[in-house]
Amino acid sequence: MSDAVTVKTRKFIRNSLLGRRQMVVDVFHPGKPPVSKADLRESLAAMHKVTEKRCIVLFGFKTKFGGGKSTGFSLIYDNVEEMKKFEPKHRLVQLDLLDASKVSSRTRKAYKELKGRKKRTWGTGRRAQLHKQKKAEA
């Protein structure tokens, strides 16, 4: 990361129930493009004395109009187990801690169509339909 980039944290909270530290991150980068999350992860690890960089989650970064300053949110988990327990699945996939195939690939629309089909069938027809679904999924 360049010398012209400054990283500051504010609104620091220690959330012991979720096993993490959470804070707002301000990045000052005058005359430069927004800083990558990998570079920010390294600087936050040095700043907060974190040994495992995988435990740092950065999200929600917005660059102010005119550039020069970006603001986002950071979570620093105590260990990877806590992170896997509480962090949303899509962020775990982004950090390569969860295989993308393990996350449900069915869309919202598919769920709703399935629900409608279940409502329309009744009795033995419903049992036959559930049997067909299980065969299709297997």
Protein backbone atom coordinates (compact mmCIF):
# COMPACT_ATOMS: atom_id res chain seq x y z
CA MET A 1 0.00 0.00 0.00
CA SER A 2 1.25 3.47 -0.83
CA ASP A 3 2.45 6.02 1.74
CA ALA A 4 -0.24 8.47 0.61
CA VAL A 5 -2.97 6.12 1.86
CA THR A 6 -4.14 6.49 5.47
CA VAL A 7 -6.39 3.99 7.26
CA LYS A 8 -8.29 5.02 10.40
CA THR A 9 -10.90 3.17 12.43
CA ARG A 10 -13.76 4.59 14.47
CA LYS A 11 -16.85 3.36 16.35
CA PHE A 12 -14.86 0.39 17.63
CA ILE A 13 -16.97 -2.19 19.48
CA ARG A 14 -15.87 -5.46 21.08
CA ASN A 15 -18.73 -7.94 20.53
CA SER A 16 -17.86 -10.88 22.77
CA LEU A 17 -21.15 -12.72 22.12
CA LEU A 18 -20.26 -13.06 18.45
CA GLY A 19 -16.53 -13.36 19.11
CA ARG A 20 -15.46 -10.37 17.07
CA ARG A 21 -14.38 -6.75 16.99
CA GLN A 22 -16.38 -4.49 14.71
CA MET A 23 -15.58 -1.01 13.49
CA VAL A 24 -16.04 1.58 10.76
CA VAL A 25 -12.97 1.98 8.53
CA ASP A 26 -12.07 5.30 6.90
CA VAL A 27 -9.53 5.15 4.07
CA PHE A 28 -7.97 8.40 2.84
CA HIS A 29 -6.48 8.06 -0.66
CA PRO A 30 -6.20 11.54 -2.22
CA GLY A 31 -5.56 11.46 -5.95
CA LYS A 32 -5.55 7.66 -6.04
CA PRO A 33 -8.16 5.00 -6.88
CA PRO A 34 -9.91 3.12 -4.05
CA VAL A 35 -7.61 0.77 -2.13
CA SER A 36 -8.08 -2.99 -2.60
CA LYS A 37 -9.55 -5.04 0.23
CA ALA A 38 -6.43 -7.23 0.32
CA ASP A 39 -4.27 -4.17 1.07
CA LEU A 40 -6.76 -2.96 3.68
CA ARG A 41 -6.80 -6.41 5.28
CA GLU A 42 -3.01 -6.31 5.64
CA SER A 43 -2.98 -2.84 7.18
CA LEU A 44 -5.81 -3.69 9.62
CA ALA A 45 -4.00 -6.90 10.61
CA ALA A 46 -0.90 -4.88 11.47
CA MET A 47 -2.93 -2.19 13.23
CA HIS A 48 -4.91 -4.61 15.44
CA LYS A 49 -2.22 -7.30 15.81
CA VAL A 50 -4.17 -10.05 14.04
CA THR A 51 -2.16 -13.15 13.15
CA GLU A 52 -4.69 -14.78 10.82
CA LYS A 53 -5.76 -12.42 8.03
CA ARG A 54 -8.63 -14.71 6.99
CA CYS A 55 -10.49 -13.60 10.13
CA ILE A 56 -10.82 -10.03 8.84
CA VAL A 57 -13.99 -9.26 6.87
CA LEU A 58 -14.37 -5.99 4.94
CA PHE A 59 -17.62 -4.92 3.28
CA GLY A 60 -19.84 -1.98 2.40
CA PHE A 61 -17.15 0.36 1.10
CA LYS A 62 -18.39 3.54 -0.58
CA THR A 63 -16.16 6.19 -2.14
CA LYS A 64 -17.18 9.76 -1.36
CA PHE A 65 -18.09 12.05 -4.24
CA GLY A 66 -14.95 13.54 -5.70
CA GLY A 67 -12.82 10.64 -4.47
CA GLY A 68 -10.07 10.76 -1.91
CA LYS A 69 -12.01 9.05 0.90
CA SER A 70 -13.71 5.68 1.22
CA THR A 71 -15.69 4.44 4.18
CA GLY A 72 -16.70 0.86 4.97
CA PHE A 73 -17.19 -1.68 7.72
CA SER A 74 -14.82 -4.23 9.19
CA LEU A 75 -15.26 -7.31 11.35
CA ILE A 76 -12.28 -9.01 12.98
CA TYR A 77 -13.20 -12.45 14.32
CA ASP A 78 -11.29 -14.16 17.14
CA ASN A 79 -10.96 -17.39 15.14
CA VAL A 80 -12.18 -19.04 11.94
CA GLU A 81 -14.72 -21.24 13.77
CA GLU A 82 -16.57 -18.18 15.11
CA MET A 83 -16.45 -16.67 11.66
CA LYS A 84 -17.97 -19.74 10.01
CA LYS A 85 -20.63 -19.83 12.71
CA PHE A 86 -21.88 -16.24 12.42
CA GLU A 87 -20.82 -14.83 9.03
CA PRO A 88 -23.30 -14.95 6.10
CA LYS A 89 -22.66 -17.70 3.57
CA HIS A 90 -22.03 -15.36 0.62
CA ARG A 91 -19.16 -13.66 2.47
CA LEU A 92 -17.64 -17.02 3.40
CA VAL A 93 -17.74 -17.99 -0.29
CA GLN A 94 -15.97 -14.72 -1.20
CA LEU A 95 -13.22 -15.48 1.33
CA ASP A 96 -12.85 -19.12 0.09
CA LEU A 97 -13.89 -20.52 3.48
CA LEU A 98 -16.97 -22.24 2.05
CA ASP A 99 -17.44 -24.07 -1.23
CA ALA A 100 -19.92 -22.28 -3.51
CA SER A 101 -21.62 -25.59 -4.37
CA LYS A 102 -22.67 -26.02 -0.71
CA VAL A 103 -24.72 -22.82 -0.84
CA SER A 104 -28.26 -23.24 -2.14
CA SER A 105 -28.38 -22.53 -5.86
CA ARG A 106 -32.17 -22.39 -6.00
CA THR A 107 -33.39 -18.87 -6.71
CA ARG A 108 -36.13 -16.96 -4.95
CA LYS A 109 -38.44 -17.45 -7.91
CA ALA A 110 -37.86 -21.23 -7.87
CA TYR A 111 -38.79 -21.39 -4.19
CA LYS A 112 -42.01 -19.47 -4.84
CA GLU A 113 -42.97 -21.66 -7.82
CA LEU A 114 -42.38 -24.78 -5.73
CA LYS A 115 -44.55 -23.34 -2.95
CA GLY A 116 -47.36 -22.67 -5.44
CA ARG A 117 -47.15 -26.20 -6.81
CA LYS A 118 -47.34 -27.62 -3.30
CA LYS A 119 -50.47 -25.58 -2.59
CA ARG A 120 -52.24 -26.79 -5.75
CA THR A 121 -51.73 -30.51 -5.06
CA TRP A 122 -53.51 -32.35 -2.28
CA GLY A 123 -53.62 -35.84 -0.78
CA THR A 124 -51.89 -38.65 -2.66
CA GLY A 125 -50.96 -36.23 -5.44
CA ARG A 126 -48.85 -34.28 -2.94
CA ARG A 127 -47.06 -37.46 -1.85
CA ALA A 128 -46.37 -38.38 -5.48
CA GLN A 129 -45.03 -34.88 -6.18
CA LEU A 130 -42.70 -34.99 -3.15
CA HIS A 131 -41.43 -38.38 -4.34
CA LYS A 132 -40.70 -36.90 -7.81
CA GLN A 133 -38.81 -33.98 -6.25
CA LYS A 134 -36.65 -36.27 -4.15
CA LYS A 135 -35.84 -38.35 -7.22
CA ALA A 136 -34.94 -35.21 -9.20
CA GLU A 137 -32.67 -33.85 -6.44
CA ALA A 138 -30.84 -37.16 -5.97
